Amino acid sequence: TPRHPNYLRGGAGKEVLEGKARVLNARGEDVTENFIKGAFETLSLARRMGVRQAILKSGSPSCGVGWVEAPEGRIEGDGVTAALLRGEGLELKTEVGL
């Protein structure tokens, strides 16, 4: 689905979930609630399916594992969905090296 790029502002995914950071798109629109809703929908599906591991897209503001791409460079930490899944005990990997 074509969309404007999205970036974390003020921290990584954990901070977004704690209300300390936001997700903005390239037009400056706050899309934080969309990211949080998507993360919880992903967690709900993972629980229903008994998922224990997830392979996620590296660098993504939602799925980044360990780092997220931003206009000013890499941000240390997970994306929003990755942070929620990690916090619930899922093992996370990226597509890199598969």
Protein backbone atom coordinates (compact mmCIF):
# COMPACT_ATOMS: atom_id res chain seq x y z
CA THR A 1 0.00 0.00 0.00
CA PRO A 2 1.56 3.32 -1.00
CA ARG A 3 1.92 5.69 1.93
CA HIS A 4 4.16 8.46 3.17
CA PRO A 5 7.29 7.34 5.07
CA ASN A 6 6.88 7.28 8.85
CA TYR A 7 9.47 8.14 11.47
CA LEU A 8 9.80 7.80 15.23
CA ARG A 9 10.31 11.06 17.11
CA GLY A 10 11.50 11.30 20.70
CA GLY A 11 12.54 7.68 21.16
CA ALA A 12 12.09 4.14 19.89
CA GLY A 13 9.06 1.85 19.95
CA LYS A 14 9.14 1.22 23.70
CA GLU A 15 8.94 4.96 24.31
CA VAL A 16 6.05 5.25 21.83
CA LEU A 17 4.14 2.57 23.77
CA GLU A 18 4.89 4.44 27.03
CA GLY A 19 3.58 7.71 25.56
CA LYS A 20 7.04 9.34 25.61
CA ALA A 21 7.62 9.39 21.82
CA ARG A 22 5.48 9.77 18.70
CA VAL A 23 5.29 8.47 15.12
CA LEU A 24 5.03 11.14 12.43
CA ASN A 25 4.72 10.71 8.69
CA ALA A 26 6.76 12.68 6.14
CA ARG A 27 3.96 15.27 5.98
CA GLY A 28 4.24 15.86 9.73
CA GLU A 29 0.96 14.12 10.59
CA ASP A 30 0.88 12.25 13.89
CA VAL A 31 0.13 8.58 13.15
CA THR A 32 1.11 7.25 16.58
CA GLU A 33 -2.30 5.80 17.41
CA ASN A 34 -2.37 3.90 14.10
CA PHE A 35 0.99 2.30 14.91
CA ILE A 36 -0.08 1.38 18.45
CA LYS A 37 -3.36 -0.10 17.20
CA GLY A 38 -1.51 -2.12 14.56
CA ALA A 39 0.98 -3.39 17.14
CA PHE A 40 -1.81 -4.62 19.43
CA GLU A 41 -3.64 -6.24 16.50
CA THR A 42 -0.42 -8.05 15.61
CA LEU A 43 0.03 -9.20 19.21
CA SER A 44 -3.57 -10.45 19.32
CA LEU A 45 -3.07 -12.47 16.14
CA ALA A 46 0.25 -13.86 17.40
CA ARG A 47 -1.42 -15.00 20.62
CA ARG A 48 -4.32 -16.65 18.77
CA MET A 49 -1.89 -18.49 16.49
CA GLY A 50 0.52 -19.51 19.27
CA VAL A 51 3.42 -17.64 17.70
CA ARG A 52 6.69 -17.67 19.68
CA GLN A 53 9.03 -16.19 17.05
CA ALA A 54 8.61 -13.42 14.50
CA ILE A 55 10.68 -12.41 11.48
CA LEU A 56 10.32 -8.66 11.04
CA LYS A 57 11.52 -5.99 8.60
CA SER A 58 14.79 -4.43 9.72
CA GLY A 59 14.86 -0.65 10.18
CA SER A 60 11.07 -0.27 10.08
CA PRO A 61 9.40 2.15 12.55
CA SER A 62 6.97 -0.66 13.31
CA CYS A 63 9.03 -3.83 12.94
CA GLY A 64 12.65 -2.75 13.35
CA VAL A 65 14.59 -5.08 15.65
CA GLY A 66 17.38 -3.36 17.60
CA TRP A 67 17.36 -0.22 15.45
CA VAL A 68 15.01 1.95 13.41
CA GLU A 69 15.84 4.13 10.40
CA ALA A 70 15.18 7.87 10.83
CA PRO A 71 16.00 10.98 8.77
CA GLU A 72 18.79 11.86 11.21
CA GLY A 73 20.19 8.31 11.16
CA ARG A 74 19.59 5.11 13.07
CA ILE A 75 17.70 5.12 16.36
CA GLU A 76 18.75 2.45 18.86
CA GLY A 77 15.85 0.25 19.94
CA ASP A 78 12.95 -1.63 18.42
CA GLY A 79 10.06 -0.36 16.33
CA VAL A 80 6.60 -0.11 17.88
CA THR A 81 5.31 -3.60 17.04
CA ALA A 82 8.69 -5.19 17.72
CA ALA A 83 8.85 -3.54 21.16
CA LEU A 84 5.39 -4.82 22.07
CA LEU A 85 6.11 -8.36 20.84
CA ARG A 86 9.49 -8.46 22.61
CA GLY A 87 7.83 -7.23 25.81
CA GLU A 88 5.41 -10.15 25.56
CA GLY A 89 8.27 -12.64 25.27
CA LEU A 90 8.39 -13.34 21.54
CA GLU A 91 11.78 -14.07 19.98
CA LEU A 92 12.46 -11.52 17.24
CA LYS A 93 14.61 -11.85 14.12
CA THR A 94 14.98 -9.79 10.95
CA GLU A 95 14.83 -10.82 7.31
CA VAL A 96 18.55 -10.03 6.97
CA GLY A 97 20.58 -13.16 6.36
CA LEU A 98 17.67 -15.51 5.69
